[in-house]
PDB file of N, CA and C in Angstrom:
ATOM      1  N   MET A   1     106.390  77.431 303.071  1.00  0.00           N
ATOM      2  CA  MET A   1     106.071  78.721 303.764  1.00  0.00           C
ATOM      3  C   MET A   1     106.362  78.415 305.334  1.00  0.00           C
ATOM      4  N   ASP A   2     106.976  79.409 305.950  1.00  0.00           N
ATOM      5  CA  ASP A   2     107.244  79.244 307.375  1.00  0.00           C
ATOM      6  C   ASP A   2     106.075  79.676 308.223  1.00  0.00           C
ATOM      7  N   SER A   3     106.256  79.732 309.572  1.00  0.00           N
ATOM      8  CA  SER A   3     105.100  79.997 310.490  1.00  0.00           C
ATOM      9  C   SER A   3     104.697  81.453 310.282  1.00  0.00           C
ATOM     10  N   THR A   4     105.584  82.399 310.020  1.00  0.00           N
ATOM     11  CA  THR A   4     105.341  83.808 309.837  1.00  0.00           C
ATOM     12  C   THR A   4     104.393  83.949 308.689  1.00  0.00           C
ATOM     13  N   GLY A   5     104.669  83.202 307.562  1.00  0.00           N
ATOM     14  CA  GLY A   5     103.816  83.342 306.382  1.00  0.00           C
ATOM     15  C   GLY A   5     102.414  82.802 306.640  1.00  0.00           C
ATOM     16  N   TRP A   6     102.287  81.734 307.352  1.00  0.00           N
ATOM     17  CA  TRP A   6     100.998  81.220 307.687  1.00  0.00           C
ATOM     18  C   TRP A   6     100.137  82.070 308.586  1.00  0.00           C
ATOM     19  N   MET A   7     100.934  82.763 309.457  1.00  0.00           N
ATOM     20  CA  MET A   7     100.275  83.705 310.370  1.00  0.00           C
ATOM     21  C   MET A   7      99.685  84.923 309.631  1.00  0.00           C
ATOM     22  N   HIS A   8     100.531  85.430 308.613  1.00  0.00           N
ATOM     23  CA  HIS A   8     100.024  86.502 307.726  1.00  0.00           C
ATOM     24  C   HIS A   8      98.754  86.139 306.937  1.00  0.00           C
ATOM     25  N   LEU A   9      98.914  84.955 306.504  1.00  0.00           N
ATOM     26  CA  LEU A   9      97.806  84.368 305.623  1.00  0.00           C
ATOM     27  C   LEU A   9      96.514  84.263 306.427  1.00  0.00           C
ATOM     28  N   GLY A  10      96.674  83.721 307.672  1.00  0.00           N
ATOM     29  CA  GLY A  10      95.496  83.729 308.643  1.00  0.00           C
ATOM     30  C   GLY A  10      94.938  85.066 308.946  1.00  0.00           C
ATOM     31  N   VAL A  11      95.838  86.062 309.105  1.00  0.00           N
ATOM     32  CA  VAL A  11      95.326  87.363 309.498  1.00  0.00           C
ATOM     33  C   VAL A  11      94.554  87.922 308.320  1.00  0.00           C
ATOM     34  N   LEU A  12      95.135  87.772 307.040  1.00  0.00           N
ATOM     35  CA  LEU A  12      94.442  88.162 305.909  1.00  0.00           C
ATOM     36  C   LEU A  12      93.055  87.537 305.701  1.00  0.00           C
ATOM     37  N   LEU A  13      92.993  86.281 305.962  1.00  0.00           N
ATOM     38  CA  LEU A  13      91.676  85.574 305.795  1.00  0.00           C
ATOM     39  C   LEU A  13      90.667  86.026 306.894  1.00  0.00           C
ATOM     40  N   LEU A  14      91.220  86.387 308.179  1.00  0.00           N
ATOM     41  CA  LEU A  14      90.298  86.837 309.082  1.00  0.00           C
ATOM     42  C   LEU A  14      89.743  88.186 308.769  1.00  0.00           C
ATOM     43  N   VAL A  15      90.600  89.053 308.188  1.00  0.00           N
ATOM     44  CA  VAL A  15      90.108  90.420 307.806  1.00  0.00           C
ATOM     45  C   VAL A  15      89.157  90.281 306.619  1.00  0.00           C
ATOM     46  N   PHE A  16      89.452  89.448 305.653  1.00  0.00           N
ATOM     47  CA  PHE A  16      88.473  89.240 304.562  1.00  0.00           C
ATOM     48  C   PHE A  16      87.165  88.657 305.047  1.00  0.00           C
ATOM     49  N   ALA A  17      87.210  87.676 305.895  1.00  0.00           N
ATOM     50  CA  ALA A  17      85.898  87.125 306.442  1.00  0.00           C
ATOM     51  C   ALA A  17      85.163  88.319 307.225  1.00  0.00           C
ATOM     52  N   GLY A  18      85.877  89.110 307.922  1.00  0.00           N
ATOM     53  CA  GLY A  18      85.165  90.154 308.639  1.00  0.00           C
ATOM     54  C   GLY A  18      84.492  91.133 307.808  1.00  0.00           C
ATOM     55  N   ILE A  19      85.106  91.558 306.651  1.00  0.00           N
ATOM     56  CA  ILE A  19      84.520  92.388 305.598  1.00  0.00           C
ATOM     57  C   ILE A  19      83.339  91.811 304.996  1.00  0.00           C
ATOM     58  N   VAL A  20      83.460  90.557 304.667  1.00  0.00           N
ATOM     59  CA  VAL A  20      82.308  89.852 303.977  1.00  0.00           C
ATOM     60  C   VAL A  20      81.185  89.724 305.067  1.00  0.00           C
ATOM     61  N   ALA A  21      81.469  89.458 306.195  1.00  0.00           N
ATOM     62  CA  ALA A  21      80.359  89.379 307.214  1.00  0.00           C
ATOM     63  C   ALA A  21      79.705  90.717 307.419  1.00  0.00           C
ATOM     64  N   PHE A  22      80.526  91.782 307.363  1.00  0.00           N
ATOM     65  CA  PHE A  22      79.984  93.069 307.618  1.00  0.00           C
ATOM     66  C   PHE A  22      79.063  93.467 306.500  1.00  0.00           C
ATOM     67  N   VAL A  23      79.466  93.159 305.185  1.00  0.00           N
ATOM     68  CA  VAL A  23      78.698  93.508 304.067  1.00  0.00           C
ATOM     69  C   VAL A  23      77.403  92.712 303.983  1.00  0.00           C
ATOM     70  N   LEU A  24      77.430  91.371 304.312  1.00  0.00           N
ATOM     71  CA  LEU A  24      76.240  90.622 304.420  1.00  0.00           C
ATOM     72  C   LEU A  24      75.367  91.053 305.485  1.00  0.00           C
ATOM     73  N   TRP A  25      75.856  91.537 306.640  1.00  0.00           N
ATOM     74  CA  TRP A  25      75.041  91.860 307.741  1.00  0.00           C
ATOM     75  C   TRP A  25      74.268  93.273 307.410  1.00  0.00           C
ATOM     76  N   LYS A  26      74.949  94.126 306.639  1.00  0.00           N
ATOM     77  CA  LYS A  26      74.307  95.332 306.222  1.00  0.00           C
ATOM     78  C   LYS A  26      73.237  95.127 305.157  1.00  0.00           C
ATOM     79  N   MET A  27      73.470  93.978 304.357  1.00  0.00           N
ATOM     80  CA  MET A  27      72.501  93.757 303.297  1.00  0.00           C
ATOM     81  C   MET A  27      71.351  92.993 303.835  1.00  0.00           C
ATOM     82  N   VAL A  28      71.485  92.139 304.856  1.00  0.00           N
ATOM     83  CA  VAL A  28      70.393  91.329 305.266  1.00  0.00           C
ATOM     84  C   VAL A  28      69.490  92.009 306.363  1.00  0.00           C
ATOM     85  N   LEU A  29      70.094  92.794 307.185  1.00  0.00           N
ATOM     86  CA  LEU A  29      69.307  93.369 308.254  1.00  0.00           C
ATOM     87  C   LEU A  29      68.603  94.710 307.618  1.00  0.00           C
ATOM     88  N   PRO A  30      67.354  94.924 307.982  1.00  0.00           N
ATOM     89  CA  PRO A  30      66.766  96.115 307.450  1.00  0.00           C
ATOM     90  C   PRO A  30      67.161  97.369 308.207  1.00  0.00           C
ATOM     91  N   ALA A  31      67.036  98.440 307.463  1.00  0.00           N
ATOM     92  CA  ALA A  31      67.434  99.783 308.112  1.00  0.00           C
ATOM     93  C   ALA A  31      66.531 100.061 309.140  1.00  0.00           C
ATOM     94  N   PRO A  32      66.972 100.611 310.292  1.00  0.00           N
ATOM     95  CA  PRO A  32      66.035 100.986 311.440  1.00  0.00           C
ATOM     96  C   PRO A  32      65.017 101.986 310.980  1.00  0.00           C
ATOM     97  N   LYS A  33      63.814 101.699 311.388  1.00  0.00           N
ATOM     98  CA  LYS A  33      62.644 102.635 310.970  1.00  0.00           C
ATOM     99  C   LYS A  33      62.554 103.747 312.017  1.00  0.00           C
ATOM    100  N   ALA A  34      61.966 104.807 311.694  1.00  0.00           N
ATOM    101  CA  ALA A  34      61.734 106.015 312.553  1.00  0.00           C
ATOM    102  C   ALA A  34      60.543 105.522 313.401  1.00  0.00           C
ATOM    103  N   PRO A  35      60.599 105.835 314.794  1.00  0.00           N
ATOM    104  CA  PRO A  35      59.485 105.510 315.572  1.00  0.00           C
ATOM    105  C   PRO A  35      58.172 106.109 315.219  1.00  0.00           C
ATOM    106  N   PRO A  36      57.076 105.472 315.118  1.00  0.00           N
ATOM    107  CA  PRO A  36      55.801 106.090 314.675  1.00  0.00           C
ATOM    108  C   PRO A  36      55.418 107.099 315.761  1.00  0.00           C
ATOM    109  N   ARG A  37      54.781 108.193 315.129  1.00  0.00           N
ATOM    110  CA  ARG A  37      54.274 109.249 315.986  1.00  0.00           C
ATOM    111  C   ARG A  37      53.036 108.963 316.628  1.00  0.00           C
ATOM    112  N   GLY A  38      52.759 109.469 317.798  1.00  0.00           N
ATOM    113  CA  GLY A  38      51.519 109.193 318.441  1.00  0.00           C
ATOM    114  C   GLY A  38      51.525 108.083 319.411  1.00  0.00           C
ATOM    115  N   GLU A  39      52.472 107.136 319.294  1.00  0.00           N
ATOM    116  CA  GLU A  39      52.611 106.104 320.253  1.00  0.00           C
ATOM    117  C   GLU A  39      53.493 106.481 321.372  1.00  0.00           C
ATOM    118  N   THR A  40      53.099 106.033 322.530  1.00  0.00           N
ATOM    119  CA  THR A  40      53.948 106.275 323.652  1.00  0.00           C
ATOM    120  C   THR A  40      54.951 105.171 323.969  1.00  0.00           C
ATOM    121  N   VAL A  41      56.057 105.499 324.566  1.00  0.00           N
ATOM    122  CA  VAL A  41      56.985 104.544 324.880  1.00  0.00           C
ATOM    123  C   VAL A  41      56.556 103.903 326.250  1.00  0.00           C
ATOM    124  N   ALA A  42      56.819 102.662 326.437  1.00  0.00           N
ATOM    125  CA  ALA A  42      56.537 102.007 327.644  1.00  0.00           C
ATOM    126  C   ALA A  42      57.029 102.722 328.866  1.00  0.00           C
ATOM    127  N   GLY A  43      56.048 103.053 329.751  1.00  0.00           N
ATOM    128  CA  GLY A  43      56.514 103.831 330.996  1.00  0.00           C
ATOM    129  C   GLY A  43      56.410 105.300 330.808  1.00  0.00           C
ATOM    130  N   ALA A  44      56.084 105.756 329.679  1.00  0.00           N
ATOM    131  CA  ALA A  44      56.091 107.268 329.500  1.00  0.00           C
ATOM    132  C   ALA A  44      54.695 107.772 329.449  1.00  0.00           C
ATOM    133  N   ARG A  45      53.797 107.217 329.933  1.00  0.00           N
ATOM    134  CA  ARG A  45      52.382 107.651 329.940  1.00  0.00           C
ATOM    135  C   ARG A  45      52.194 108.993 330.629  1.00  0.00           C
ATOM    136  N   GLY A  46      51.669 109.921 330.027  1.00  0.00           N
ATOM    137  CA  GLY A  46      51.417 111.235 330.702  1.00  0.00           C
ATOM    138  C   GLY A  46      52.470 112.178 330.429  1.00  0.00           C
ATOM    139  N   TYR A  47      53.537 111.821 329.820  1.00  0.00           N
ATOM    140  CA  TYR A  47      54.663 112.718 329.602  1.00  0.00           C
ATOM    141  C   TYR A  47      54.376 113.481 328.307  1.00  0.00           C
ATOM    142  N   ILE A  48      54.421 114.737 328.294  1.00  0.00           N
ATOM    143  CA  ILE A  48      53.999 115.592 327.076  1.00  0.00           C
ATOM    144  C   ILE A  48      55.334 115.903 326.320  1.00  0.00           C
ATOM    145  N   GLY A  49      56.477 116.261 327.076  1.00  0.00           N
ATOM    146  CA  GLY A  49      57.641 116.585 326.452  1.00  0.00           C
ATOM    147  C   GLY A  49      57.889 118.086 326.153  1.00  0.00           C
ATOM    148  N   LEU A  50      59.056 118.379 325.669  1.00  0.00           N
ATOM    149  CA  LEU A  50      59.415 119.815 325.462  1.00  0.00           C
ATOM    150  C   LEU A  50      58.820 120.261 324.177  1.00  0.00           C
ATOM    151  N   TRP A  51      58.639 119.354 323.233  1.00  0.00           N
ATOM    152  CA  TRP A  51      57.991 119.861 321.982  1.00  0.00           C
ATOM    153  C   TRP A  51      56.612 120.194 321.968  1.00  0.00           C
ATOM    154  N   PHE A  52      55.862 119.679 322.915  1.00  0.00           N
ATOM    155  CA  PHE A  52      54.427 119.995 322.997  1.00  0.00           C
ATOM    156  C   PHE A  52      54.031 120.859 324.191  1.00  0.00           C
ATOM    157  N   GLY A  53      54.779 121.733 324.529  1.00  0.00           N
ATOM    158  CA  GLY A  53      54.477 122.572 325.620  1.00  0.00           C
ATOM    159  C   GLY A  53      54.717 122.072 327.055  1.00  0.00           C
ATOM    160  N   GLY A  54      55.619 121.067 327.194  1.00  0.00           N
ATOM    161  CA  GLY A  54      55.821 120.438 328.399  1.00  0.00           C
ATOM    162  C   GLY A  54      56.828 121.219 329.238  1.00  0.00           C
ATOM    163  N   GLY A  55      57.262 122.306 328.755  1.00  0.00           N
ATOM    164  CA  GLY A  55      58.270 123.171 329.509  1.00  0.00           C
ATOM    165  C   GLY A  55      59.468 123.534 328.801  1.00  0.00           C
ATOM    166  N   GLY A  56      60.439 123.946 329.354  1.00  0.00           N
ATOM    167  CA  GLY A  56      61.711 124.346 328.684  1.00  0.00           C
ATOM    168  C   GLY A  56      61.885 125.973 328.737  1.00  0.00           C
ATOM    169  N   ARG A  57      60.927 126.643 328.248  1.00  0.00           N
ATOM    170  CA  ARG A  57      61.067 128.154 328.222  1.00  0.00           C
ATOM    171  C   ARG A  57      60.113 128.750 329.173  1.00  0.00           C
TER     172      ARG A  57
END
């Protein structure tokens, strides 16, 4: 096999390793949870927001 063949094989192996890593990453990491209601974000104390009569209309 010449150098071009080895380069193609290397690219195919990198793509395969990337796909495997992506699948494992999606299986291992938990899905992001929705933020709990009623808790304030740090620094947002006192902010009511648009949904609870804080303005807009």
